[in-house]
N, C-alpha and C. Protein backbone atom coordinates (compact mmCIF):
# COMPACT_ATOMS: atom_id res chain seq x y z
N MET A 1 96.47 56.15 131.15
CA MET A 1 97.53 56.11 131.39
C MET A 1 98.62 57.12 131.41
N ASN A 2 99.17 57.60 132.85
CA ASN A 2 99.86 58.62 133.36
C ASN A 2 101.26 58.79 132.07
N ARG A 3 100.85 60.50 132.07
CA ARG A 3 102.74 60.75 131.48
C ARG A 3 103.20 60.91 132.19
N SER A 4 104.48 60.60 132.43
CA SER A 4 105.36 61.53 133.63
C SER A 4 105.73 63.18 133.20
N PRO A 5 105.89 63.52 134.21
CA PRO A 5 106.00 65.14 133.51
C PRO A 5 107.68 65.08 132.76
N LEU A 6 108.48 66.02 132.46
CA LEU A 6 109.62 66.46 131.80
C LEU A 6 109.97 66.56 132.99
N PRO A 7 111.32 65.78 133.45
CA PRO A 7 112.68 66.90 134.07
C PRO A 7 112.71 68.57 134.01
N LYS A 8 112.72 69.24 135.20
CA LYS A 8 113.14 70.54 135.51
C LYS A 8 113.76 71.13 134.53
N SER A 9 115.04 70.45 134.33
CA SER A 9 116.07 70.73 133.49
C SER A 9 115.90 70.73 132.29
N LEU A 10 114.54 69.75 131.30
CA LEU A 10 114.79 69.77 130.10
C LEU A 10 113.82 70.86 129.54
N ALA A 11 112.29 70.69 130.44
CA ALA A 11 111.52 71.92 130.33
C ALA A 11 111.60 73.08 130.14
N GLY A 12 113.17 73.73 130.82
CA GLY A 12 113.77 74.21 131.15
C GLY A 12 114.68 74.83 130.02
N ARG A 13 115.35 73.56 129.55
CA ARG A 13 116.13 74.12 128.06
C ARG A 13 115.06 74.23 127.04
N ILE A 14 114.33 73.33 126.85
CA ILE A 14 112.87 73.47 125.93
C ILE A 14 112.77 75.14 126.00
N ALA A 15 112.56 76.30 127.34
CA ALA A 15 111.98 76.82 127.54
C ALA A 15 112.60 78.05 127.15
N ILE A 16 114.21 78.00 127.07
CA ILE A 16 115.05 78.96 126.73
C ILE A 16 115.33 78.78 125.04
N ALA A 17 115.12 77.58 124.33
CA ALA A 17 114.97 77.21 123.25
C ALA A 17 114.29 77.69 122.65
N ALA A 18 113.24 77.83 122.85
CA ALA A 18 111.65 78.36 122.36
C ALA A 18 112.28 80.36 122.44
N ALA A 19 112.47 80.65 123.44
CA ALA A 19 113.33 81.44 123.36
C ALA A 19 113.52 82.47 122.70
N ALA A 20 114.88 81.51 122.40
CA ALA A 20 116.09 82.11 121.86
C ALA A 20 115.46 82.43 120.63
N ALA A 21 114.93 80.84 119.42
CA ALA A 21 113.96 81.27 118.27
C ALA A 21 113.26 82.26 118.27
N LEU A 22 112.36 82.64 118.84
CA LEU A 22 111.78 83.64 119.15
C LEU A 22 112.12 85.06 118.59
N VAL A 23 113.12 85.42 119.79
CA VAL A 23 114.20 86.39 119.32
C VAL A 23 114.95 86.83 117.96
N LEU A 24 115.74 85.19 117.50
CA LEU A 24 116.27 85.41 116.02
C LEU A 24 115.05 85.57 115.44
N LEU A 25 113.85 84.82 115.37
CA LEU A 25 112.92 85.23 114.24
C LEU A 25 111.73 87.07 113.83
N LEU A 26 111.96 87.14 115.37
CA LEU A 26 112.25 88.59 115.43
C LEU A 26 113.16 89.58 115.31
N VAL A 27 114.65 88.87 114.74
CA VAL A 27 115.75 89.94 114.56
C VAL A 27 115.91 89.85 113.34
N LEU A 28 115.53 88.24 112.36
CA LEU A 28 115.51 88.13 110.71
C LEU A 28 114.71 89.02 110.80
N SER A 29 112.68 89.21 111.08
CA SER A 29 112.25 89.88 110.32
C SER A 29 112.46 91.51 110.09
N GLN A 30 113.46 91.59 111.57
CA GLN A 30 113.63 93.61 111.59
C GLN A 30 114.45 93.64 110.47
N LEU A 31 115.26 92.56 110.37
CA LEU A 31 116.24 93.05 109.44
C LEU A 31 115.98 92.58 107.66
N LEU A 32 115.10 91.85 107.66
CA LEU A 32 114.88 91.36 106.36
C LEU A 32 113.13 91.99 105.36
N LEU A 33 112.09 91.86 106.41
CA LEU A 33 111.56 92.79 106.12
C LEU A 33 111.53 93.70 105.71
N PRO A 34 111.83 94.87 105.94
CA PRO A 34 111.91 95.93 105.51
C PRO A 34 112.16 96.45 103.69
N GLY A 35 113.35 95.02 103.96
CA GLY A 35 114.43 95.35 102.52
C GLY A 35 113.18 94.79 101.35
N ILE A 36 112.45 93.64 101.69
CA ILE A 36 111.47 92.69 101.29
C ILE A 36 110.38 94.02 100.71
N GLY A 37 110.23 94.80 101.52
CA GLY A 37 108.75 95.57 100.80
C GLY A 37 109.88 97.07 100.36
N GLU A 38 110.62 97.00 100.13
CA GLU A 38 111.61 98.03 99.83
C GLU A 38 111.25 97.50 97.99
N GLY A 39 112.33 96.42 97.94
CA GLY A 39 112.59 95.73 96.26
C GLY A 39 111.08 95.91 95.88
N ALA A 40 109.77 95.34 96.98
CA ALA A 40 108.65 95.20 95.94
C ALA A 40 108.25 96.91 95.40
N ILE A 41 108.21 97.54 96.06
CA ILE A 41 108.07 99.15 95.91
C ILE A 41 108.77 99.41 95.03
N ASP A 42 109.77 99.59 95.00
CA ASP A 42 111.38 100.35 93.88
C ASP A 42 110.00 99.28 92.58
N ASP A 43 110.04 97.58 92.33
CA ASP A 43 109.87 97.29 90.94
C ASP A 43 108.55 98.35 90.54
N ARG A 44 108.34 98.13 91.57
CA ARG A 44 106.44 99.07 90.59
C ARG A 44 106.55 99.99 90.72
N LEU A 45 107.68 101.14 91.69
CA LEU A 45 108.06 102.31 90.29
C LEU A 45 108.53 102.89 89.98
N THR A 46 109.53 101.38 89.03
CA THR A 46 110.53 101.76 88.21
C THR A 46 110.09 100.75 87.07
N GLU A 47 108.54 100.17 86.90
CA GLU A 47 108.30 99.44 85.60
C GLU A 47 108.55 99.85 84.23
N ASN A 48 108.23 101.18 84.55
CA ASN A 48 108.52 102.00 83.13
C ASN A 48 109.59 102.71 82.69
N GLY A 49 110.42 102.22 83.92
CA GLY A 49 112.11 103.75 83.70
C GLY A 49 112.03 103.91 84.92
N GLY A 50 112.92 104.25 85.32
CA GLY A 50 114.14 105.17 86.00
C GLY A 50 114.87 104.71 87.56
N VAL A 51 114.77 104.60 88.30
CA VAL A 51 114.85 104.63 89.33
C VAL A 51 114.76 104.92 90.78
N ALA A 52 114.48 104.07 91.94
CA ALA A 52 114.23 104.96 93.14
C ALA A 52 114.65 104.28 94.70
N ASP A 53 114.90 105.02 95.77
CA ASP A 53 115.61 104.75 96.87
C ASP A 53 114.03 104.85 97.32
N VAL A 54 114.36 103.18 97.52
CA VAL A 54 112.88 103.49 99.19
C VAL A 54 113.63 103.27 100.40
N SER A 55 112.39 103.66 101.76
CA SER A 55 113.46 103.00 102.60
C SER A 55 112.10 102.77 103.60
N LEU A 56 111.93 101.88 104.08
CA LEU A 56 110.72 101.82 105.24
C LEU A 56 110.94 101.05 106.22
N SER A 57 110.61 102.05 107.75
CA SER A 57 110.70 101.96 108.69
C SER A 57 109.64 101.06 109.90
N ALA A 58 109.71 100.55 110.47
CA ALA A 58 108.75 100.06 111.59
C ALA A 58 109.08 99.58 112.46
N THR A 59 108.81 99.14 113.66
CA THR A 59 109.52 98.68 114.74
C THR A 59 107.90 98.18 115.74
N PRO A 60 107.29 96.63 115.46
CA PRO A 60 108.54 95.77 114.91
C PRO A 60 108.29 95.60 113.53
N ALA A 61 109.13 94.62 112.97
CA ALA A 61 109.32 95.08 111.30
C ALA A 61 108.31 94.53 110.72
N ALA A 62 107.33 93.43 111.88
CA ALA A 62 106.00 92.97 110.88
C ALA A 62 104.86 93.58 110.59
N ARG A 63 104.76 94.73 111.56
CA ARG A 63 103.77 95.43 110.90
C ARG A 63 103.66 96.10 109.46
N LEU A 64 105.06 96.01 108.71
CA LEU A 64 104.89 96.11 106.91
C LEU A 64 103.47 95.07 106.80
N LEU A 65 103.95 94.13 106.77
CA LEU A 65 102.89 92.94 106.95
C LEU A 65 101.71 93.57 106.59
N TRP A 66 101.22 94.27 107.01
CA TRP A 66 99.77 94.52 107.20
C TRP A 66 99.72 96.08 106.71
N GLY A 67 101.27 96.66 106.21
CA GLY A 67 101.12 97.91 105.41
C GLY A 67 101.15 99.17 106.31
N ASP A 68 101.50 98.58 108.07
CA ASP A 68 101.89 99.42 108.40
C ASP A 68 102.99 99.91 108.83
N GLY A 69 103.39 100.81 109.21
CA GLY A 69 104.95 100.82 109.63
C GLY A 69 105.01 103.18 110.30
N ASP A 70 106.47 102.67 110.26
CA ASP A 70 106.67 104.25 111.22
C ASP A 70 107.05 105.51 110.28
N ARG A 71 107.97 105.42 109.14
CA ARG A 71 107.80 106.03 107.99
C ARG A 71 107.92 105.53 106.78
N VAL A 72 108.06 106.12 105.65
CA VAL A 72 108.65 105.90 104.25
C VAL A 72 108.97 106.97 103.66
N GLN A 73 110.24 106.59 103.19
CA GLN A 73 110.34 107.39 102.12
C GLN A 73 111.45 107.31 100.96
N ILE A 74 111.13 107.69 99.75
CA ILE A 74 111.25 107.35 99.08
C ILE A 74 112.61 108.64 97.56
N ASP A 75 113.11 108.26 97.12
CA ASP A 75 113.59 109.28 96.80
C ASP A 75 114.12 108.55 94.98
N ALA A 76 113.23 109.45 93.91
CA ALA A 76 112.85 108.82 92.17
C ALA A 76 113.25 109.44 91.91
N THR A 77 113.75 109.58 90.18
CA THR A 77 113.88 109.58 89.22
C THR A 77 113.98 109.49 88.28
N GLY A 78 113.46 109.96 87.05
CA GLY A 78 113.43 109.47 85.65
C GLY A 78 112.31 107.86 85.38
N LEU A 79 110.92 108.87 86.75
CA LEU A 79 109.48 107.84 86.18
C LEU A 79 109.18 107.78 85.44
N ASP A 80 108.36 107.26 84.67
CA ASP A 80 106.92 107.61 83.99
C ASP A 80 105.53 106.34 84.80
N LEU A 81 105.31 107.06 85.57
CA LEU A 81 104.28 107.14 86.20
C LEU A 81 102.41 107.43 85.41
N GLU A 82 101.70 105.89 85.25
CA GLU A 82 100.51 106.63 84.81
C GLU A 82 99.12 106.27 85.96
N ILE A 83 98.14 106.79 85.13
CA ILE A 83 96.67 107.12 85.88
C ILE A 83 96.55 105.51 85.69
N ASP A 84 96.51 105.32 86.73
CA ASP A 84 95.49 104.00 86.56
C ASP A 84 94.32 104.02 86.71
N ARG A 85 93.04 104.08 85.57
CA ARG A 85 91.70 103.59 85.50
C ARG A 85 91.13 103.81 86.22
N ALA A 86 91.72 102.58 86.56
CA ALA A 86 90.77 100.78 87.57
C ALA A 86 91.14 101.52 88.72
N SER A 87 91.51 101.56 89.27
CA SER A 87 91.90 102.30 90.59
C SER A 87 91.31 102.56 91.59
N ASP A 88 90.97 102.49 92.66
CA ASP A 88 90.06 103.12 93.55
C ASP A 88 90.29 104.25 93.64
N PRO A 89 89.35 105.04 93.93
CA PRO A 89 89.87 106.62 94.54
C PRO A 89 90.43 106.93 95.98
N VAL A 90 89.90 105.94 96.02
CA VAL A 90 91.20 106.32 98.14
C VAL A 90 92.61 105.96 98.11
N VAL A 91 93.12 106.96 97.16
CA VAL A 91 94.47 107.26 97.26
C VAL A 91 95.03 106.90 98.38
N PHE A 92 95.09 107.98 99.76
CA PHE A 92 95.95 107.45 100.50
C PHE A 92 95.58 107.07 101.88
N ASP A 93 94.79 105.71 101.89
CA ASP A 93 94.74 104.98 102.51
C ASP A 93 95.82 104.14 103.09
N GLU A 94 96.71 103.36 101.89
CA GLU A 94 98.19 102.89 102.33
C GLU A 94 99.05 103.50 103.25
N LEU A 95 99.16 104.63 102.45
CA LEU A 95 100.12 106.21 103.43
C LEU A 95 99.55 106.88 104.90
N ASP A 96 97.91 106.62 104.65
CA ASP A 96 97.97 106.91 105.94
C ASP A 96 98.39 105.17 107.20
N ARG A 97 98.67 104.69 107.24
CA ARG A 97 98.48 103.47 107.83
C ARG A 97 100.57 104.15 108.21
N PHE A 98 101.35 105.21 107.50
CA PHE A 98 102.89 105.25 108.17
C PHE A 98 103.25 106.51 108.83
N GLY A 99 103.73 106.65 110.02
CA GLY A 99 103.53 107.62 110.67
C GLY A 99 104.28 108.84 109.91
N ASP A 100 105.36 109.15 109.68
CA ASP A 100 105.61 109.90 108.49
C ASP A 100 105.94 109.76 107.08
N VAL A 101 106.17 110.62 105.80
CA VAL A 101 105.86 110.47 104.55
C VAL A 101 106.76 111.19 103.74
N GLU A 102 107.70 111.01 102.93
CA GLU A 102 108.53 111.92 101.85
C GLU A 102 108.62 111.28 101.04
N ILE A 103 108.06 112.04 99.72
CA ILE A 103 108.44 111.19 98.28
C ILE A 103 108.76 111.75 97.83
N VAL A 104 109.84 111.87 97.26
CA VAL A 104 110.56 113.28 96.24
C VAL A 104 110.69 112.36 94.91
N ILE A 105 110.39 112.96 94.41
CA ILE A 105 110.44 112.65 92.13
C ILE A 105 111.13 113.92 91.22
N ALA A 106 111.93 113.61 90.91
CA ALA A 106 112.61 114.25 90.13
C ALA A 106 112.55 113.77 88.38
N ASP A 107 112.78 114.86 87.30
CA ASP A 107 112.78 115.01 86.12
C ASP A 107 111.86 113.65 85.71
N SER A 108 110.41 113.68 85.41
CA SER A 108 109.80 112.25 85.69
C SER A 108 108.51 112.82 84.98
N THR A 109 108.35 111.53 84.41
CA THR A 109 106.28 111.62 84.16
C THR A 109 105.20 111.31 85.31
N VAL A 110 104.49 112.41 85.62
CA VAL A 110 103.22 111.33 85.78
C VAL A 110 102.20 112.02 85.83
N GLY A 111 101.39 111.17 84.67
CA GLY A 111 100.16 111.34 83.93
C GLY A 111 100.09 112.38 83.27
N PRO A 112 100.01 113.81 83.37
CA PRO A 112 99.89 114.41 82.19
C PRO A 112 100.99 116.05 82.30
N LEU A 113 101.53 115.42 83.87
CA LEU A 113 102.43 116.28 84.13
C LEU A 113 103.88 116.14 83.65
N ALA A 114 104.90 116.71 83.00
CA ALA A 114 106.63 116.81 83.15
C ALA A 114 106.92 117.34 83.99
N VAL A 115 107.46 116.43 85.49
CA VAL A 115 107.82 116.86 86.87
C VAL A 115 109.38 117.23 86.68
N GLU A 116 109.24 118.63 87.06
CA GLU A 116 110.94 118.97 87.71
C GLU A 116 111.10 118.30 88.81
N GLN A 117 109.73 118.87 89.57
CA GLN A 117 110.44 117.64 91.26
C GLN A 117 109.24 117.90 91.38
N LEU A 118 108.48 117.31 92.62
CA LEU A 118 107.58 117.22 93.11
C LEU A 118 107.82 116.40 94.47
N VAL A 119 107.42 116.74 95.59
CA VAL A 119 107.51 116.57 96.63
C VAL A 119 106.21 115.49 97.78
N LEU A 120 105.95 114.88 97.64
CA LEU A 120 104.46 114.88 98.99
C LEU A 120 105.11 114.10 99.94
N SER A 121 104.43 114.45 101.00
CA SER A 121 105.29 115.11 102.42
C SER A 121 104.11 115.00 103.19
N ARG A 122 104.33 114.09 104.55
CA ARG A 122 103.61 113.96 106.02
C ARG A 122 104.14 113.77 107.31
N SER A 123 103.82 114.64 108.01
CA SER A 123 104.77 114.19 109.35
C SER A 123 103.48 113.92 110.25
N GLY A 124 104.24 113.33 111.09
CA GLY A 124 102.87 112.65 112.00
C GLY A 124 101.15 112.53 111.41
N ASP A 125 100.60 113.41 112.74
CA ASP A 125 98.51 113.49 111.84
C ASP A 125 98.26 114.85 111.12
N GLU A 126 100.09 116.09 110.38
CA GLU A 126 99.36 116.73 109.64
C GLU A 126 98.89 116.51 108.88
N ALA A 127 99.11 117.60 107.97
CA ALA A 127 98.29 117.53 106.45
C ALA A 127 99.21 117.20 105.61
N TYR A 128 98.91 116.16 104.68
CA TYR A 128 100.45 115.72 103.14
C TYR A 128 100.05 117.45 102.96
N SER A 129 101.67 117.56 101.97
CA SER A 129 101.69 118.95 101.53
C SER A 129 102.35 117.86 100.43
N LEU A 130 101.73 118.83 99.53
CA LEU A 130 101.97 118.21 97.54
C LEU A 130 103.24 119.64 96.86
N GLU A 131 103.69 119.88 96.70
CA GLU A 131 105.15 120.81 95.86
C GLU A 131 105.22 119.60 94.88
N ALA A 132 104.94 120.59 93.88
CA ALA A 132 105.39 119.87 92.44
C ALA A 132 105.50 121.49 91.70
N THR A 133 106.87 121.08 90.48
CA THR A 133 106.66 122.36 89.52
C THR A 133 106.60 121.37 88.43
N GLY A 134 106.80 121.58 87.16
CA GLY A 134 107.10 121.56 85.71
C GLY A 134 105.97 121.31 84.95
N THR A 135 105.57 121.05 83.56
CA THR A 135 104.91 121.71 82.66
C THR A 135 104.01 120.88 82.32
N THR A 136 103.12 121.05 81.50
CA THR A 136 101.89 120.03 81.37
C THR A 136 101.06 120.98 79.55
N SER A 137 100.44 119.89 79.19
CA SER A 137 99.54 121.38 77.94
C SER A 137 97.82 120.85 78.05
N LEU A 138 97.39 121.54 77.13
CA LEU A 138 96.33 122.17 77.34
C LEU A 138 95.58 121.32 76.81
N ALA A 139 96.05 120.25 75.53
CA ALA A 139 95.80 118.87 75.55
C ALA A 139 96.52 117.93 76.32
N ASP A 140 97.01 117.97 77.07
CA ASP A 140 97.57 116.60 78.06
C ASP A 140 96.17 116.67 78.68
N LEU A 141 96.18 118.13 79.75
CA LEU A 141 95.50 118.08 80.28
C LEU A 141 94.15 117.68 79.88
N ALA A 142 93.26 118.25 78.87
CA ALA A 142 91.97 117.58 78.24
C ALA A 142 91.92 116.45 77.95
N ASP A 143 92.75 115.96 77.82
CA ASP A 143 93.10 114.48 78.21
C ASP A 143 92.24 113.49 79.35
N SER A 144 93.25 113.88 79.92
CA SER A 144 93.34 113.83 81.19
C SER A 144 91.59 114.22 82.48
N ALA A 145 91.23 115.42 82.12
CA ALA A 145 90.25 115.23 82.03
C ALA A 145 89.16 114.84 82.19
N GLY A 146 88.76 114.44 80.22
CA GLY A 146 88.34 113.50 80.31
C GLY A 146 88.46 112.24 80.43
N GLU A 147 89.46 111.30 80.20
CA GLU A 147 89.82 109.98 81.10
C GLU A 147 89.79 109.68 82.45
N ASP A 148 90.05 110.91 83.50
CA ASP A 148 90.33 110.49 84.68
C ASP A 148 89.73 111.45 85.53
N LEU A 149 89.46 112.84 85.02
CA LEU A 149 88.39 113.64 85.46
C LEU A 149 86.95 113.83 85.80
N ASP A 150 86.77 112.78 84.36
CA ASP A 150 85.03 112.28 83.82
C ASP A 150 84.44 114.07 83.23
N VAL A 151 85.06 115.03 82.79
CA VAL A 151 85.03 116.04 82.16
C VAL A 151 83.78 116.06 81.11
N PRO A 152 82.53 116.24 80.74
CA PRO A 152 82.51 116.15 79.54
C PRO A 152 83.03 116.47 78.29
N GLY A 153 83.29 116.11 77.55
CA GLY A 153 83.43 116.99 75.82
C GLY A 153 85.12 117.25 76.18
N SER A 154 86.12 116.51 77.09
CA SER A 154 87.36 117.40 77.23
C SER A 154 88.08 116.30 76.65
N GLU A 155 88.06 115.41 76.52
CA GLU A 155 88.74 114.44 75.39
C GLU A 155 88.45 114.38 73.99
N LEU A 156 87.46 114.89 73.33
CA LEU A 156 87.54 115.70 72.19
C LEU A 156 88.27 116.77 71.81
N LEU A 157 88.12 117.86 73.19
CA LEU A 157 88.66 118.66 73.13
C LEU A 157 90.14 118.50 72.94
N GLY A 158 90.78 117.43 73.91
CA GLY A 158 92.12 117.83 73.86
C GLY A 158 92.46 116.99 72.46
N THR A 159 91.74 116.45 71.71
CA THR A 159 91.88 115.80 70.33
C THR A 159 91.80 116.51 69.27
N LEU A 160 91.19 117.55 69.19
CA LEU A 160 91.30 118.34 68.64
C LEU A 160 92.41 119.92 68.70
N LEU A 161 92.45 120.41 70.10
CA LEU A 161 94.03 120.73 70.77
C LEU A 161 95.40 120.34 70.11
N GLY A 162 95.47 118.67 70.32
CA GLY A 162 96.27 118.07 69.83
C GLY A 162 96.82 118.50 67.90
N ALA A 163 95.54 118.35 67.68
CA ALA A 163 95.42 118.21 66.10
C ALA A 163 95.94 119.08 65.12
N THR A 164 94.86 120.27 65.99
CA THR A 164 95.70 121.71 65.33
C THR A 164 97.02 122.19 66.08
N GLY A 165 97.43 122.26 67.32
CA GLY A 165 98.36 122.19 67.31
C GLY A 165 98.63 123.32 68.35
N VAL A 166 97.90 123.92 68.74
CA VAL A 166 97.14 124.71 70.07
C VAL A 166 96.96 124.40 71.07
N GLY A 167 97.33 123.20 70.79
CA GLY A 167 97.37 122.40 72.82
C GLY A 167 98.28 122.38 73.29
N GLY A 168 99.62 121.83 72.27
CA GLY A 168 100.92 121.41 72.32
C GLY A 168 101.27 122.33 72.66
N SER A 169 101.14 123.21 73.08
CA SER A 169 102.30 124.35 74.00
C SER A 169 102.28 124.19 75.52
N ASP A 170 103.64 124.19 75.88
CA ASP A 170 103.81 124.03 77.14
C ASP A 170 103.21 125.15 78.17
N LEU A 171 102.64 125.01 79.37
CA LEU A 171 102.30 125.49 80.39
C LEU A 171 102.52 125.12 81.81
N ASP A 172 103.71 126.44 82.30
CA ASP A 172 104.52 126.20 83.91
C ASP A 172 103.61 126.06 84.71
N VAL A 173 104.24 124.59 85.58
CA VAL A 173 102.99 124.18 87.29
C VAL A 173 104.01 123.93 88.02
N ASP A 174 102.99 124.89 89.25
CA ASP A 174 103.38 125.48 89.68
C ASP A 174 102.51 125.27 91.42
N LEU A 175 102.77 123.98 91.30
CA LEU A 175 101.33 123.35 93.27
C LEU A 175 102.67 123.55 94.36
N ASP A 176 101.85 123.91 95.44
CA ASP A 176 101.63 124.37 96.44
C ASP A 176 100.75 124.03 97.31
N MET A 177 100.19 122.93 97.87
CA MET A 177 99.40 122.88 97.88
C MET A 177 98.95 121.34 99.36
N ARG A 178 97.96 121.74 100.06
CA ARG A 178 97.88 121.12 101.71
C ARG A 178 96.38 120.63 101.18
N LEU A 179 96.61 118.84 101.27
CA LEU A 179 95.88 118.11 101.20
C LEU A 179 95.25 117.54 103.00
N GLU A 180 94.02 116.77 102.35
CA GLU A 180 93.80 116.01 104.09
C GLU A 180 93.22 114.48 103.32
N SER A 181 93.53 113.63 104.48
CA SER A 181 92.94 112.41 103.58
C SER A 181 91.55 112.42 104.37
N ASP A 182 90.49 111.98 103.47
CA ASP A 182 88.56 111.52 104.16
C ASP A 182 88.85 110.30 104.11
N ASN A 183 88.94 110.09 105.13
CA ASN A 183 88.85 108.06 105.12
C ASN A 183 89.80 107.67 103.10
N GLY A 184 91.25 108.34 103.32
CA GLY A 184 91.78 107.77 102.17
C GLY A 184 91.79 108.62 101.01
N ARG A 185 90.38 109.54 100.50
CA ARG A 185 90.31 109.89 99.73
C ARG A 185 90.77 111.90 100.09
N VAL A 186 91.17 112.34 98.65
CA VAL A 186 92.11 113.61 98.74
C VAL A 186 91.21 114.37 98.79
N ARG A 187 91.58 115.56 99.38
CA ARG A 187 90.14 116.45 100.05
C ARG A 187 91.79 117.78 99.77
N VAL A 188 91.14 118.70 99.14
CA VAL A 188 92.32 119.92 98.84
C VAL A 188 91.83 120.43 100.07
N VAL A 189 92.74 120.99 101.12
CA VAL A 189 92.95 122.04 102.41
C VAL A 189 92.78 123.40 102.16
N GLN A 190 94.11 123.84 101.04
CA GLN A 190 94.55 124.76 100.86
C GLN A 190 95.42 124.40 100.02
N GLY A 191 95.30 125.81 99.11
CA GLY A 191 96.50 126.34 97.58
C GLY A 191 94.95 125.85 96.39
N GLU A 192 94.13 125.90 96.96
CA GLU A 192 92.65 125.76 95.47
C GLU A 192 93.27 127.08 94.12
N GLY A 193 93.78 126.45 93.17
CA GLY A 193 93.90 127.32 91.61
C GLY A 193 93.45 126.80 90.51
N GLU A 194 94.09 127.25 89.62
CA GLU A 194 93.37 126.83 88.21
C GLU A 194 94.68 126.71 87.44
N ILE A 195 95.14 125.77 86.30
CA ILE A 195 95.87 125.79 85.47
C ILE A 195 95.17 125.48 84.12
N ALA A 196 95.47 126.75 83.12
CA ALA A 196 94.05 127.12 82.13
C ALA A 196 92.67 126.90 82.29
N GLY A 197 92.63 127.67 82.48
CA GLY A 197 90.92 126.57 83.33
C GLY A 197 90.75 125.77 83.88
N PHE A 198 91.60 124.74 84.26
CA PHE A 198 91.21 123.40 85.08
C PHE A 198 92.01 123.43 85.97
N SER A 199 90.90 123.27 87.35
CA SER A 199 90.88 123.56 88.62
C SER A 199 92.21 122.44 89.22
N THR A 200 92.65 123.09 90.00
CA THR A 200 93.69 122.06 90.66
C THR A 200 94.01 120.83 91.81
N GLY A 201 92.50 121.19 92.23
CA GLY A 201 92.15 120.43 93.04
C GLY A 201 92.58 118.82 92.22
N PRO A 202 91.29 118.82 91.48
CA PRO A 202 91.43 117.84 90.91
C PRO A 202 92.77 117.44 90.20
N PHE A 203 93.59 117.88 89.92
CA PHE A 203 94.47 117.90 89.09
C PHE A 203 95.27 117.21 90.32
N ALA A 204 95.23 117.33 91.22
CA ALA A 204 96.28 117.47 92.55
C ALA A 204 96.18 116.09 92.95
N ALA A 205 94.43 115.94 93.21
CA ALA A 205 94.02 114.18 93.75
C ALA A 205 95.20 113.74 92.48
N LEU A 206 94.65 113.69 91.60
CA LEU A 206 95.30 112.61 89.72
C LEU A 206 96.24 112.72 89.98
N ILE A 207 97.82 113.35 89.78
CA ILE A 207 99.36 113.12 90.60
C ILE A 207 99.46 112.42 91.66
N ALA A 208 98.47 112.94 92.58
CA ALA A 208 98.45 112.07 94.00
C ALA A 208 98.31 110.20 94.13
N SER A 209 97.59 110.62 92.77
CA SER A 209 96.89 108.99 92.81
C SER A 209 98.20 108.41 92.18
N ALA A 210 98.48 109.10 91.35
CA ALA A 210 99.51 108.45 89.95
C ALA A 210 100.97 107.99 91.37
N VAL A 211 101.22 108.53 91.57
CA VAL A 211 102.07 108.13 92.44
C VAL A 211 101.74 107.39 93.61
N VAL A 212 100.81 107.40 95.05
CA VAL A 212 100.63 106.56 95.28
C VAL A 212 99.96 105.19 95.26
N VAL A 213 99.75 105.18 93.48
CA VAL A 213 98.87 103.32 93.31
C VAL A 213 100.45 102.99 93.65
N GLU A 214 101.59 102.75 93.54
CA GLU A 214 102.35 102.52 93.09
C GLU A 214 103.08 101.50 94.31
N LEU A 215 102.42 102.38 95.42
CA LEU A 215 103.65 102.19 96.95
C LEU A 215 102.67 101.28 97.34
């Protein structure tokens, strides 16, 4: 049995309605998706306290559904970010999908570091810049080295330093480093140094992982 074709006027109205619905969907996604993503990141960053102002941008915004975007910008203070020891060492995998990155954190705890200010940024295809000032201690460094960097004997050393009071003294931290993403993994390309005998290369990776794992 042959079906009669739709009248041209009706077919035209259906096409216009479908196009209007598609435009409305694109507009709504552009308006709503960034806010949803920003709220999710805010919740993760401030789980242990603090405040964060998160801004995501992508055109079209639907790219955010696949973790892709034009820019991510975060300004936070009072955070308490722990090291996720079960996380994959592929630290920059998510951030690599954004064109520009600017993360500014102040007056917070990031792993073994009491942060005065930390800035992690990247523009386009350039290397990541990590600048941080703050304090840590021998005991905290040793604990992190043993638990997070797999340095033999460091955890026991941290316990002994803390018990004797020797390891509790503050050590100034001043990092100015350039990091590259090696398939998502942190590679230091500039700014290698030491803090109380600990290489700042793994330390930089440790700090970056504590921040980025929450994004």
